């Protein structure tokens, strides 16, 4: 019997040692990365768990490093705020929801691998020469467009990670954004360079990408006082969508192009206004317009059949609408 308990004691010690070692030797971020992050807190970020799970569990406390299984955090594309780095880069404190059905937030500690996943850390300076689109991870879903970053913005690449089976560089950039119940001066995102289109081939590729953006999908809520995603200040609802489309395609804005008032002049890439509504014209083919618009029944609508131009008049579903003016954003090459 004494031998039995002796063996059990050895097994228990080995079990504790194994799991203690597993945490002790869990991948920690390099010292220079820890310093880079710690000096710029708080930072908005959507976790990318190494396990690929849709939920992560906070630790009971900074000292008790076992997961709190009663308190799961859903990773669904919603940004939280990184508020501290601990244990030599093995722990990350984030501001997360205090509980289900509440808008309050609380700070909890997590293992770094549950926040940053399988990132290959490598700190590098990065200053894009052209405008960029910034994306958060959407958890199990697609990357979510969240901002436009102007060219010549000082950034820092923290490392590489695979998201949606595509290698991405995780970039730290100064950009004020909400996350974790607070305003954060910095965010960690994936950047895609997005210079204004110049050729018809570039236009066609960019238009296809824009219509496929999860943030601009048909049916996405985009109603009363919904703001511009890409930083078009003072634009809301339908104006915000039209402005964002102009920014996405041309790095422009709502009225940044050449104004016109003849409805027959409408062409691909225009912002048009009728009565009290703005629409972005993706394509004009004959009398038919392919469009994208916000605040149509409080949602985004993409359509190739809603709007037409005929006989010097503007129509929606066959009914004439009062066209007032539009803006040419570019001149398609001959």
C-alpha atoms as a PDB file:
ATOM      1  CA  UNK A   1       0.000   0.000   0.000  1.00  0.00           C
ATOM      2  CA  UNK A   2       2.845   2.369   0.862  1.00  0.00           C
ATOM      3  CA  UNK A   3       4.400   1.599  -2.549  1.00  0.00           C
ATOM      4  CA  UNK A   4       1.041   2.366  -4.242  1.00  0.00           C
ATOM      5  CA  UNK A   5       0.787   5.814  -2.603  1.00  0.00           C
ATOM      6  CA  UNK A   6       4.423   6.435  -3.358  1.00  0.00           C
ATOM      7  CA  UNK A   7       3.803   5.776  -7.050  1.00  0.00           C
ATOM      8  CA  UNK A   8       0.709   7.993  -7.014  1.00  0.00           C
ATOM      9  CA  UNK A   9       2.700  10.744  -5.362  1.00  0.00           C
ATOM     10  CA  UNK A  10       5.400  10.487  -8.027  1.00  0.00           C
ATOM     11  CA  UNK A  11       2.748  10.506 -10.772  1.00  0.00           C
ATOM     12  CA  UNK A  12       1.055  13.571  -9.280  1.00  0.00           C
ATOM     13  CA  UNK A  13       4.333  15.432  -9.001  1.00  0.00           C
ATOM     14  CA  UNK A  14       5.138  14.549 -12.610  1.00  0.00           C
ATOM     15  CA  UNK A  15       1.669  15.730 -13.696  1.00  0.00           C
ATOM     16  CA  UNK A  16       2.076  19.083 -11.933  1.00  0.00           C
ATOM     17  CA  UNK A  17       5.625  19.465 -13.227  1.00  0.00           C
ATOM     18  CA  UNK A  18       4.504  18.749 -16.806  1.00  0.00           C
ATOM     19  CA  UNK A  19       1.728  21.346 -16.834  1.00  0.00           C
ATOM     20  CA  UNK A  20       3.819  23.826 -14.890  1.00  0.00           C
ATOM     21  CA  UNK A  21       6.610  23.420 -17.440  1.00  0.00           C
ATOM     22  CA  UNK A  22       4.115  23.664 -20.299  1.00  0.00           C
ATOM     23  CA  UNK A  23       3.090  27.111 -19.114  1.00  0.00           C
ATOM     24  CA  UNK A  24       6.552  28.147 -17.994  1.00  0.00           C
ATOM     25  CA  UNK A  25       7.983  27.409 -21.438  1.00  0.00           C
ATOM     26  CA  UNK A  26       4.999  28.669 -23.425  1.00  0.00           C
ATOM     27  CA  UNK A  27       6.111  30.972 -26.193  1.00  0.00           C
ATOM     28  CA  UNK A  28       6.631  34.478 -24.864  1.00  0.00           C
ATOM     29  CA  UNK A  29       6.932  37.566 -27.012  1.00  0.00           C
ATOM     30  CA  UNK A  30      10.498  38.842 -27.403  1.00  0.00           C
ATOM     31  CA  UNK A  31      11.659  41.610 -25.089  1.00  0.00           C
ATOM     32  CA  UNK A  32      11.677  44.232 -27.857  1.00  0.00           C
ATOM     33  CA  UNK A  33       8.067  43.385 -28.768  1.00  0.00           C
ATOM     34  CA  UNK A  34       6.973  43.579 -25.131  1.00  0.00           C
ATOM     35  CA  UNK A  35       8.639  46.991 -24.870  1.00  0.00           C
ATOM     36  CA  UNK A  36       7.087  48.190 -28.144  1.00  0.00           C
ATOM     37  CA  UNK A  37       3.590  47.289 -26.941  1.00  0.00           C
ATOM     38  CA  UNK A  38       3.971  48.354 -23.311  1.00  0.00           C
ATOM     39  CA  UNK A  39       4.994  51.889 -24.247  1.00  0.00           C
ATOM     40  CA  UNK A  40       1.868  52.426 -26.380  1.00  0.00           C
ATOM     41  CA  UNK A  41      -0.979  51.090 -24.272  1.00  0.00           C
ATOM     42  CA  UNK A  42      -3.940  50.838 -24.455  1.00  0.00           C
ATOM     43  CA  UNK A  43      -4.123  49.151 -27.865  1.00  0.00           C
ATOM     44  CA  UNK A  44      -7.245  47.935 -29.670  1.00  0.00           C
ATOM     45  CA  UNK A  45      -6.979  44.354 -30.917  1.00  0.00           C
ATOM     46  CA  UNK A  46      -9.097  41.335 -31.814  1.00  0.00           C
ATOM     47  CA  UNK A  47      -7.467  38.168 -30.389  1.00  0.00           C
ATOM     48  CA  UNK A  48      -6.365  35.333 -32.684  1.00  0.00           C
ATOM     49  CA  UNK A  49      -6.153  32.234 -30.443  1.00  0.00           C
ATOM     50  CA  UNK A  50      -3.472  29.683 -31.311  1.00  0.00           C
ATOM     51  CA  UNK A  51      -6.084  26.942 -30.959  1.00  0.00           C
ATOM     52  CA  UNK A  52      -8.334  28.517 -33.575  1.00  0.00           C
ATOM     53  CA  UNK A  53     -11.158  28.450 -31.010  1.00  0.00           C
ATOM     54  CA  UNK A  54     -14.027  30.929 -31.073  1.00  0.00           C
ATOM     55  CA  UNK A  55     -13.762  31.405 -27.312  1.00  0.00           C
ATOM     56  CA  UNK A  56     -10.874  32.072 -24.949  1.00  0.00           C
ATOM     57  CA  UNK A  57     -10.777  31.850 -21.169  1.00  0.00           C
ATOM     58  CA  UNK A  58      -9.184  34.422 -18.869  1.00  0.00           C
ATOM     59  CA  UNK A  59      -6.913  33.312 -16.051  1.00  0.00           C
ATOM     60  CA  UNK A  60      -8.273  33.196 -12.528  1.00  0.00           C
ATOM     61  CA  UNK A  61      -5.724  35.921 -11.694  1.00  0.00           C
ATOM     62  CA  UNK A  62      -2.219  37.041 -12.614  1.00  0.00           C
ATOM     63  CA  UNK A  63      -0.895  34.772  -9.852  1.00  0.00           C
ATOM     64  CA  UNK A  64      -3.294  31.853 -10.383  1.00  0.00           C
ATOM     65  CA  UNK A  65      -2.693  31.023 -14.017  1.00  0.00           C
ATOM     66  CA  UNK A  66      -5.339  28.323 -14.487  1.00  0.00           C
ATOM     67  CA  UNK A  67      -8.162  29.226 -16.917  1.00  0.00           C
ATOM     68  CA  UNK A  68     -11.430  30.463 -15.436  1.00  0.00           C
ATOM     69  CA  UNK A  69     -13.821  28.081 -17.218  1.00  0.00           C
ATOM     70  CA  UNK A  70     -16.864  29.937 -15.915  1.00  0.00           C
ATOM     71  CA  UNK A  71     -15.987  33.030 -17.928  1.00  0.00           C
ATOM     72  CA  UNK A  72     -15.550  32.557 -21.696  1.00  0.00           C
ATOM     73  CA  UNK A  73     -14.808  35.454 -24.041  1.00  0.00           C
ATOM     74  CA  UNK A  74     -16.180  35.139 -27.580  1.00  0.00           C
ATOM     75  CA  UNK A  75     -13.747  36.078 -30.338  1.00  0.00           C
ATOM     76  CA  UNK A  76     -16.027  37.385 -33.078  1.00  0.00           C
ATOM     77  CA  UNK A  77     -14.252  40.403 -34.572  1.00  0.00           C
ATOM     78  CA  UNK A  78     -15.066  42.768 -31.695  1.00  0.00           C
ATOM     79  CA  UNK A  79     -11.932  44.675 -30.613  1.00  0.00           C
ATOM     80  CA  UNK A  80     -10.849  44.633 -26.991  1.00  0.00           C
ATOM     81  CA  UNK A  81      -8.217  46.831 -25.365  1.00  0.00           C
ATOM     82  CA  UNK A  82      -4.793  45.494 -24.403  1.00  0.00           C
ATOM     83  CA  UNK A  83      -4.019  47.251 -21.124  1.00  0.00           C
ATOM     84  CA  UNK A  84      -0.865  45.511 -19.823  1.00  0.00           C
ATOM     85  CA  UNK A  85       1.804  42.900 -20.619  1.00  0.00           C
ATOM     86  CA  UNK A  86       3.041  40.592 -17.841  1.00  0.00           C
ATOM     87  CA  UNK A  87       5.258  37.626 -16.984  1.00  0.00           C
ATOM     88  CA  UNK A  88       7.971  38.626 -19.438  1.00  0.00           C
ATOM     89  CA  UNK A  89       5.587  38.630 -22.372  1.00  0.00           C
ATOM     90  CA  UNK A  90       3.683  35.442 -21.480  1.00  0.00           C
ATOM     91  CA  UNK A  91       0.566  37.198 -20.166  1.00  0.00           C
ATOM     92  CA  UNK A  92      -1.650  39.871 -21.687  1.00  0.00           C
ATOM     93  CA  UNK A  93      -4.232  41.913 -19.799  1.00  0.00           C
ATOM     94  CA  UNK A  94      -7.277  42.994 -21.789  1.00  0.00           C
ATOM     95  CA  UNK A  95     -10.396  45.025 -21.114  1.00  0.00           C
ATOM     96  CA  UNK A  96     -13.257  42.645 -21.960  1.00  0.00           C
ATOM     97  CA  UNK A  97     -17.018  42.471 -21.289  1.00  0.00           C
ATOM     98  CA  UNK A  98     -17.813  42.080 -17.605  1.00  0.00           C
ATOM     99  CA  UNK A  99     -20.520  39.531 -18.390  1.00  0.00           C
ATOM    100  CA  UNK A 100     -23.333  38.541 -20.720  1.00  0.00           C
ATOM    101  CA  UNK A 101     -25.961  41.167 -21.378  1.00  0.00           C
ATOM    102  CA  UNK A 102     -23.901  44.026 -19.955  1.00  0.00           C
ATOM    103  CA  UNK A 103     -22.114  46.945 -21.552  1.00  0.00           C
ATOM    104  CA  UNK A 104     -19.632  47.181 -18.702  1.00  0.00           C
ATOM    105  CA  UNK A 105     -15.993  46.100 -19.088  1.00  0.00           C
ATOM    106  CA  UNK A 106     -13.375  44.681 -16.773  1.00  0.00           C
ATOM    107  CA  UNK A 107      -9.651  43.900 -17.019  1.00  0.00           C
ATOM    108  CA  UNK A 108      -8.685  40.215 -17.124  1.00  0.00           C
ATOM    109  CA  UNK A 109      -5.403  38.361 -17.730  1.00  0.00           C
ATOM    110  CA  UNK A 110      -4.923  35.878 -20.595  1.00  0.00           C
ATOM    111  CA  UNK A 111      -2.121  33.695 -21.881  1.00  0.00           C
ATOM    112  CA  UNK A 112      -0.343  35.511 -24.698  1.00  0.00           C
ATOM    113  CA  UNK A 113      -0.896  32.556 -27.047  1.00  0.00           C
ATOM    114  CA  UNK A 114      -4.667  32.941 -26.573  1.00  0.00           C
ATOM    115  CA  UNK A 115      -4.389  36.566 -27.675  1.00  0.00           C
ATOM    116  CA  UNK A 116      -1.708  36.530 -30.386  1.00  0.00           C
ATOM    117  CA  UNK A 117      -1.895  32.948 -31.584  1.00  0.00           C
ATOM    118  CA  UNK A 118       0.944  31.446 -33.584  1.00  0.00           C
ATOM    119  CA  UNK A 119       2.574  34.707 -34.536  1.00  0.00           C
ATOM    120  CA  UNK A 120       6.188  34.698 -35.685  1.00  0.00           C
ATOM    121  CA  UNK A 121       7.492  37.768 -33.916  1.00  0.00           C
ATOM    122  CA  UNK A 122       9.808  40.106 -35.789  1.00  0.00           C
ATOM    123  CA  UNK A 123       9.843  43.839 -35.099  1.00  0.00           C
ATOM    124  CA  UNK A 124      10.357  45.978 -38.192  1.00  0.00           C
ATOM    125  CA  UNK A 125       9.655  49.637 -38.988  1.00  0.00           C
ATOM    126  CA  UNK A 126       7.115  50.213 -41.754  1.00  0.00           C
ATOM    127  CA  UNK A 127       5.979  53.406 -43.445  1.00  0.00           C
ATOM    128  CA  UNK A 128       3.607  52.731 -46.357  1.00  0.00           C
ATOM    129  CA  UNK A 129       4.027  55.141 -49.256  1.00  0.00           C
ATOM    130  CA  UNK A 130       0.374  54.855 -50.298  1.00  0.00           C
ATOM    131  CA  UNK A 131      -2.950  54.782 -48.406  1.00  0.00           C
ATOM    132  CA  UNK A 132      -3.764  51.482 -46.704  1.00  0.00           C
ATOM    133  CA  UNK A 133      -6.867  49.659 -45.567  1.00  0.00           C
ATOM    134  CA  UNK A 134      -6.766  48.364 -41.987  1.00  0.00           C
ATOM    135  CA  UNK A 135      -8.425  45.106 -40.922  1.00  0.00           C
ATOM    136  CA  UNK A 136      -9.152  43.326 -37.655  1.00  0.00           C
ATOM    137  CA  UNK A 137      -9.384  39.560 -37.511  1.00  0.00           C
ATOM    138  CA  UNK A 138     -12.999  38.461 -37.721  1.00  0.00           C
ATOM    139  CA  UNK A 139     -12.445  35.376 -35.586  1.00  0.00           C
ATOM    140  CA  UNK A 140     -13.793  32.459 -37.638  1.00  0.00           C
ATOM    141  CA  UNK A 141     -15.197  34.907 -40.196  1.00  0.00           C
ATOM    142  CA  UNK A 142     -13.580  37.158 -42.766  1.00  0.00           C
ATOM    143  CA  UNK A 143     -11.198  39.997 -42.059  1.00  0.00           C
ATOM    144  CA  UNK A 144     -13.184  43.080 -41.071  1.00  0.00           C
ATOM    145  CA  UNK A 145     -12.368  46.453 -42.632  1.00  0.00           C
ATOM    146  CA  UNK A 146     -12.109  49.067 -39.859  1.00  0.00           C
ATOM    147  CA  UNK A 147     -10.151  52.101 -41.068  1.00  0.00           C
ATOM    148  CA  UNK A 148      -8.123  53.858 -43.731  1.00  0.00           C
ATOM    149  CA  UNK A 149      -4.493  54.665 -42.920  1.00  0.00           C
ATOM    150  CA  UNK A 150      -2.959  57.554 -44.914  1.00  0.00           C
ATOM    151  CA  UNK A 151       0.286  57.038 -46.766  1.00  0.00           C
ATOM    152  CA  UNK A 152       3.485  58.068 -44.946  1.00  0.00           C
ATOM    153  CA  UNK A 153       2.026  56.954 -41.588  1.00  0.00           C
ATOM    154  CA  UNK A 154       4.714  55.624 -39.232  1.00  0.00           C
ATOM    155  CA  UNK A 155       3.920  52.012 -38.308  1.00  0.00           C
ATOM    156  CA  UNK A 156       5.660  48.990 -36.837  1.00  0.00           C
ATOM    157  CA  UNK A 157       5.355  45.414 -38.064  1.00  0.00           C
ATOM    158  CA  UNK A 158       5.303  43.049 -35.078  1.00  0.00           C
ATOM    159  CA  UNK A 159       5.414  39.778 -36.971  1.00  0.00           C
ATOM    160  CA  UNK A 160       3.661  37.422 -39.362  1.00  0.00           C
ATOM    161  CA  UNK A 161       0.628  35.234 -38.770  1.00  0.00           C
ATOM    162  CA  UNK A 162      -1.759  33.214 -40.944  1.00  0.00           C
ATOM    163  CA  UNK A 163      -5.380  34.416 -40.944  1.00  0.00           C
ATOM    164  CA  UNK A 164      -8.025  32.738 -43.106  1.00  0.00           C
ATOM    165  CA  UNK A 165      -5.205  30.590 -44.549  1.00  0.00           C
ATOM    166  CA  UNK A 166      -3.443  33.710 -45.853  1.00  0.00           C
ATOM    167  CA  UNK A 167      -0.112  34.980 -44.406  1.00  0.00           C
ATOM    168  CA  UNK A 168      -0.573  38.455 -42.912  1.00  0.00           C
ATOM    169  CA  UNK A 169       1.688  40.999 -41.221  1.00  0.00           C
ATOM    170  CA  UNK A 170       0.444  42.265 -37.876  1.00  0.00           C
ATOM    171  CA  UNK A 171       1.030  46.022 -37.770  1.00  0.00           C
ATOM    172  CA  UNK A 172       0.883  48.510 -34.927  1.00  0.00           C
ATOM    173  CA  UNK A 173      -0.373  51.931 -35.992  1.00  0.00           C
ATOM    174  CA  UNK A 174      -1.451  55.109 -34.252  1.00  0.00           C
ATOM    175  CA  UNK A 175      -5.175  55.452 -34.924  1.00  0.00           C
ATOM    176  CA  UNK A 176      -7.824  56.329 -32.352  1.00  0.00           C
ATOM    177  CA  UNK A 177     -10.483  53.622 -32.228  1.00  0.00           C
ATOM    178  CA  UNK A 178     -13.034  52.213 -29.791  1.00  0.00           C
ATOM    179  CA  UNK A 179     -12.368  48.833 -28.199  1.00  0.00           C
ATOM    180  CA  UNK A 180     -12.821  47.269 -24.788  1.00  0.00           C
ATOM    181  CA  UNK A 181     -15.171  50.032 -23.704  1.00  0.00           C
ATOM    182  CA  UNK A 182     -12.662  52.819 -24.223  1.00  0.00           C
ATOM    183  CA  UNK A 183     -10.902  54.959 -26.808  1.00  0.00           C
ATOM    184  CA  UNK A 184      -7.491  53.541 -27.748  1.00  0.00           C
ATOM    185  CA  UNK A 185      -4.768  55.689 -29.351  1.00  0.00           C
ATOM    186  CA  UNK A 186      -3.198  52.661 -31.097  1.00  0.00           C
ATOM    187  CA  UNK A 187      -4.459  49.519 -32.785  1.00  0.00           C
ATOM    188  CA  UNK A 188      -2.985  46.229 -34.022  1.00  0.00           C
ATOM    189  CA  UNK A 189      -4.280  45.428 -37.501  1.00  0.00           C
ATOM    190  CA  UNK A 190      -3.487  43.885 -40.855  1.00  0.00           C
ATOM    191  CA  UNK A 191      -2.731  46.503 -43.511  1.00  0.00           C
ATOM    192  CA  UNK A 192      -3.360  46.250 -47.243  1.00  0.00           C
ATOM    193  CA  UNK A 193      -1.872  48.918 -49.489  1.00  0.00           C
ATOM    194  CA  UNK A 194      -4.656  50.632 -51.424  1.00  0.00           C
ATOM    195  CA  UNK A 195      -3.460  53.298 -53.893  1.00  0.00           C
ATOM    196  CA  UNK A 196      -6.072  55.130 -56.017  1.00  0.00           C
ATOM    197  CA  UNK A 197      -7.005  53.204 -59.167  1.00  0.00           C
ATOM    198  CA  UNK A 198      -5.645  54.584 -62.441  1.00  0.00           C
ATOM    199  CA  UNK A 199      -6.512  52.058 -65.147  1.00  0.00           C
ATOM    200  CA  UNK A 200      -9.700  50.248 -66.094  1.00  0.00           C
ATOM    201  CA  UNK A 201      -8.115  46.925 -65.146  1.00  0.00           C
ATOM    202  CA  UNK A 202      -7.254  48.281 -61.698  1.00  0.00           C
ATOM    203  CA  UNK A 203     -10.759  49.685 -61.366  1.00  0.00           C
ATOM    204  CA  UNK A 204     -12.371  46.335 -62.185  1.00  0.00           C
ATOM    205  CA  UNK A 205     -10.234  44.480 -59.653  1.00  0.00           C
ATOM    206  CA  UNK A 206     -10.829  47.063 -56.917  1.00  0.00           C
ATOM    207  CA  UNK A 207     -14.565  47.210 -57.566  1.00  0.00           C
ATOM    208  CA  UNK A 208     -14.811  43.439 -57.201  1.00  0.00           C
ATOM    209  CA  UNK A 209     -12.862  43.614 -53.936  1.00  0.00           C
ATOM    210  CA  UNK A 210     -15.046  46.406 -52.579  1.00  0.00           C
ATOM    211  CA  UNK A 211     -18.282  44.569 -53.310  1.00  0.00           C
ATOM    212  CA  UNK A 212     -16.857  41.504 -51.558  1.00  0.00           C
ATOM    213  CA  UNK A 213     -15.828  43.356 -48.384  1.00  0.00           C
ATOM    214  CA  UNK A 214     -17.581  41.945 -45.337  1.00  0.00           C
ATOM    215  CA  UNK A 215     -18.043  45.495 -44.028  1.00  0.00           C
ATOM    216  CA  UNK A 216     -19.918  46.514 -47.204  1.00  0.00           C
ATOM    217  CA  UNK A 217     -21.971  43.338 -47.702  1.00  0.00           C
ATOM    218  CA  UNK A 218     -25.605  43.570 -48.759  1.00  0.00           C
ATOM    219  CA  UNK A 219     -27.878  43.477 -45.737  1.00  0.00           C
ATOM    220  CA  UNK A 220     -25.246  44.711 -43.310  1.00  0.00           C
ATOM    221  CA  UNK A 221     -26.835  47.137 -40.771  1.00  0.00           C
ATOM    222  CA  UNK A 222     -26.119  50.712 -41.882  1.00  0.00           C
ATOM    223  CA  UNK A 223     -28.891  52.909 -40.565  1.00  0.00           C
ATOM    224  CA  UNK A 224     -29.537  56.123 -38.700  1.00  0.00           C
ATOM    225  CA  UNK A 225     -26.342  58.020 -37.809  1.00  0.00           C
ATOM    226  CA  UNK A 226     -24.149  55.117 -38.955  1.00  0.00           C
ATOM    227  CA  UNK A 227     -20.708  56.732 -39.441  1.00  0.00           C
ATOM    228  CA  UNK A 228     -18.079  56.401 -42.132  1.00  0.00           C
ATOM    229  CA  UNK A 229     -15.752  53.422 -41.619  1.00  0.00           C
ATOM    230  CA  UNK A 230     -12.883  54.942 -43.587  1.00  0.00           C
ATOM    231  CA  UNK A 231     -12.623  58.248 -41.766  1.00  0.00           C
ATOM    232  CA  UNK A 232     -14.837  60.559 -43.806  1.00  0.00           C
ATOM    233  CA  UNK A 233     -15.620  63.010 -41.015  1.00  0.00           C
ATOM    234  CA  UNK A 234     -19.141  64.369 -40.803  1.00  0.00           C
ATOM    235  CA  UNK A 235     -20.558  61.670 -43.117  1.00  0.00           C
ATOM    236  CA  UNK A 236     -23.303  59.393 -41.853  1.00  0.00           C
ATOM    237  CA  UNK A 237     -25.870  56.976 -43.261  1.00  0.00           C
ATOM    238  CA  UNK A 238     -26.065  56.996 -47.095  1.00  0.00           C
ATOM    239  CA  UNK A 239     -23.470  59.783 -47.338  1.00  0.00           C
ATOM    240  CA  UNK A 240     -21.013  57.680 -45.299  1.00  0.00           C
ATOM    241  CA  UNK A 241     -21.365  54.694 -47.629  1.00  0.00           C
ATOM    242  CA  UNK A 242     -20.929  56.824 -50.768  1.00  0.00           C
ATOM    243  CA  UNK A 243     -17.916  58.562 -49.216  1.00  0.00           C
ATOM    244  CA  UNK A 244     -16.363  55.265 -48.128  1.00  0.00           C
ATOM    245  CA  UNK A 245     -16.766  53.805 -51.627  1.00  0.00           C
ATOM    246  CA  UNK A 246     -15.019  56.878 -53.086  1.00  0.00           C
ATOM    247  CA  UNK A 247     -12.227  56.512 -50.532  1.00  0.00           C
ATOM    248  CA  UNK A 248     -11.888  52.785 -51.196  1.00  0.00           C
ATOM    249  CA  UNK A 249     -11.599  53.289 -54.953  1.00  0.00           C
ATOM    250  CA  UNK A 250      -9.902  56.667 -55.350  1.00  0.00           C
ATOM    251  CA  UNK A 251      -8.763  57.852 -51.894  1.00  0.00           C
ATOM    252  CA  UNK A 252     -11.369  60.590 -52.342  1.00  0.00           C
ATOM    253  CA  UNK A 253     -14.476  61.546 -50.391  1.00  0.00           C
ATOM    254  CA  UNK A 254     -18.115  62.475 -50.746  1.00  0.00           C
ATOM    255  CA  UNK A 255     -17.640  65.586 -52.904  1.00  0.00           C
ATOM    256  CA  UNK A 256     -13.994  65.321 -53.856  1.00  0.00           C
ATOM    257  CA  UNK A 257     -14.617  64.884 -57.583  1.00  0.00           C
ATOM    258  CA  UNK A 258     -15.856  67.148 -60.370  1.00  0.00           C
ATOM    259  CA  UNK A 259     -19.459  68.245 -59.816  1.00  0.00           C
ATOM    260  CA  UNK A 260     -22.027  67.743 -62.611  1.00  0.00           C
ATOM    261  CA  UNK A 261     -25.795  68.264 -62.867  1.00  0.00           C
ATOM    262  CA  UNK A 262     -26.708  66.502 -66.114  1.00  0.00           C
ATOM    263  CA  UNK A 263     -28.062  63.044 -65.302  1.00  0.00           C
ATOM    264  CA  UNK A 264     -26.886  61.696 -68.683  1.00  0.00           C
ATOM    265  CA  UNK A 265     -23.282  62.311 -67.569  1.00  0.00           C
ATOM    266  CA  UNK A 266     -23.456  59.615 -64.889  1.00  0.00           C
ATOM    267  CA  UNK A 267     -20.630  57.097 -65.341  1.00  0.00           C
ATOM    268  CA  UNK A 268     -18.775  54.391 -63.446  1.00  0.00           C
ATOM    269  CA  UNK A 269     -17.142  55.628 -60.243  1.00  0.00           C
ATOM    270  CA  UNK A 270     -19.538  58.521 -59.636  1.00  0.00           C
ATOM    271  CA  UNK A 271     -21.289  59.597 -56.475  1.00  0.00           C
ATOM    272  CA  UNK A 272     -24.845  60.661 -57.351  1.00  0.00           C
ATOM    273  CA  UNK A 273     -27.482  62.444 -55.296  1.00  0.00           C
ATOM    274  CA  UNK A 274     -31.225  62.415 -55.772  1.00  0.00           C
ATOM    275  CA  UNK A 275     -33.692  64.098 -53.455  1.00  0.00           C
ATOM    276  CA  UNK A 276     -32.137  63.307 -50.034  1.00  0.00           C
ATOM    277  CA  UNK A 277     -30.099  60.207 -50.839  1.00  0.00           C
ATOM    278  CA  UNK A 278     -26.529  59.432 -51.983  1.00  0.00           C
ATOM    279  CA  UNK A 279     -25.565  56.408 -54.101  1.00  0.00           C
ATOM    280  CA  UNK A 280     -22.192  55.237 -55.407  1.00  0.00           C
ATOM    281  CA  UNK A 281     -22.261  54.055 -59.012  1.00  0.00           C
ATOM    282  CA  UNK A 282     -19.917  51.089 -59.402  1.00  0.00           C
ATOM    283  CA  UNK A 283     -20.712  50.628 -63.109  1.00  0.00           C
ATOM    284  CA  UNK A 284     -22.859  52.206 -65.775  1.00  0.00           C
ATOM    285  CA  UNK A 285     -23.631  49.942 -68.725  1.00  0.00           C
ATOM    286  CA  UNK A 286     -26.036  51.600 -71.109  1.00  0.00           C
ATOM    287  CA  UNK A 287     -29.020  52.747 -69.072  1.00  0.00           C
ATOM    288  CA  UNK A 288     -28.374  50.287 -66.203  1.00  0.00           C
ATOM    289  CA  UNK A 289     -26.457  51.214 -63.042  1.00  0.00           C
ATOM    290  CA  UNK A 290     -24.689  48.861 -60.644  1.00  0.00           C
ATOM    291  CA  UNK A 291     -24.719  50.595 -57.275  1.00  0.00           C
ATOM    292  CA  UNK A 292     -23.857  50.343 -53.603  1.00  0.00           C
ATOM    293  CA  UNK A 293     -25.644  52.451 -50.991  1.00  0.00           C
ATOM    294  CA  UNK A 294     -26.132  52.733 -47.258  1.00  0.00           C
ATOM    295  CA  UNK A 295     -29.242  53.392 -45.167  1.00  0.00           C
ATOM    296  CA  UNK A 296     -31.577  51.679 -47.602  1.00  0.00           C
ATOM    297  CA  UNK A 297     -34.076  50.329 -45.087  1.00  0.00           C
ATOM    298  CA  UNK A 298     -31.248  50.905 -42.595  1.00  0.00           C
ATOM    299  CA  UNK A 299     -28.956  48.464 -44.423  1.00  0.00           C
ATOM    300  CA  UNK A 300     -26.346  48.281 -47.167  1.00  0.00           C
ATOM    301  CA  UNK A 301     -27.730  47.439 -50.583  1.00  0.00           C
ATOM    302  CA  UNK A 302     -25.748  46.319 -53.612  1.00  0.00           C
ATOM    303  CA  UNK A 303     -27.800  46.176 -56.781  1.00  0.00           C
ATOM    304  CA  UNK A 304     -27.525  45.877 -60.558  1.00  0.00           C
ATOM    305  CA  UNK A 305     -31.219  46.439 -61.232  1.00  0.00           C
ATOM    306  CA  UNK A 306     -32.535  49.175 -58.926  1.00  0.00           C
ATOM    307  CA  UNK A 307     -31.399  52.315 -60.749  1.00  0.00           C
ATOM    308  CA  UNK A 308     -31.524  53.318 -64.413  1.00  0.00           C
ATOM    309  CA  UNK A 309     -30.965  56.433 -66.522  1.00  0.00           C
ATOM    310  CA  UNK A 310     -33.192  56.993 -69.538  1.00  0.00           C
ATOM    311  CA  UNK A 311     -34.340  59.988 -71.584  1.00  0.00           C
ATOM    312  CA  UNK A 312     -32.466  62.421 -69.374  1.00  0.00           C
ATOM    313  CA  UNK A 313     -34.194  61.131 -66.248  1.00  0.00           C
ATOM    314  CA  UNK A 314     -33.170  59.067 -63.199  1.00  0.00           C
ATOM    315  CA  UNK A 315     -35.270  56.089 -62.124  1.00  0.00           C
ATOM    316  CA  UNK A 316     -35.451  53.768 -59.099  1.00  0.00           C
ATOM    317  CA  UNK A 317     -37.431  50.574 -59.667  1.00  0.00           C
ATOM    318  CA  UNK A 318     -38.933  52.256 -62.722  1.00  0.00           C
ATOM    319  CA  UNK A 319     -40.204  55.296 -60.815  1.00  0.00           C
ATOM    320  CA  UNK A 320     -38.635  58.662 -61.617  1.00  0.00           C
ATOM    321  CA  UNK A 321     -36.536  60.253 -58.888  1.00  0.00           C
ATOM    322  CA  UNK A 322     -35.434  63.871 -58.608  1.00  0.00           C
ATOM    323  CA  UNK A 323     -31.743  63.800 -59.612  1.00  0.00           C
ATOM    324  CA  UNK A 324     -29.908  66.893 -58.320  1.00  0.00           C
ATOM    325  CA  UNK A 325     -26.166  66.437 -58.940  1.00  0.00           C
ATOM    326  CA  UNK A 326     -23.236  64.071 -58.884  1.00  0.00           C
ATOM    327  CA  UNK A 327     -19.429  63.952 -58.687  1.00  0.00           C
ATOM    328  CA  UNK A 328     -17.045  62.424 -61.218  1.00  0.00           C
ATOM    329  CA  UNK A 329     -14.204  60.756 -59.294  1.00  0.00           C
ATOM    330  CA  UNK A 330     -12.144  59.800 -62.327  1.00  0.00           C
ATOM    331  CA  UNK A 331     -12.049  59.706 -66.116  1.00  0.00           C
ATOM    332  CA  UNK A 332     -11.943  56.105 -67.347  1.00  0.00           C
ATOM    333  CA  UNK A 333      -9.177  55.655 -69.959  1.00  0.00           C
ATOM    334  CA  UNK A 334     -10.342  55.388 -73.551  1.00  0.00           C
END
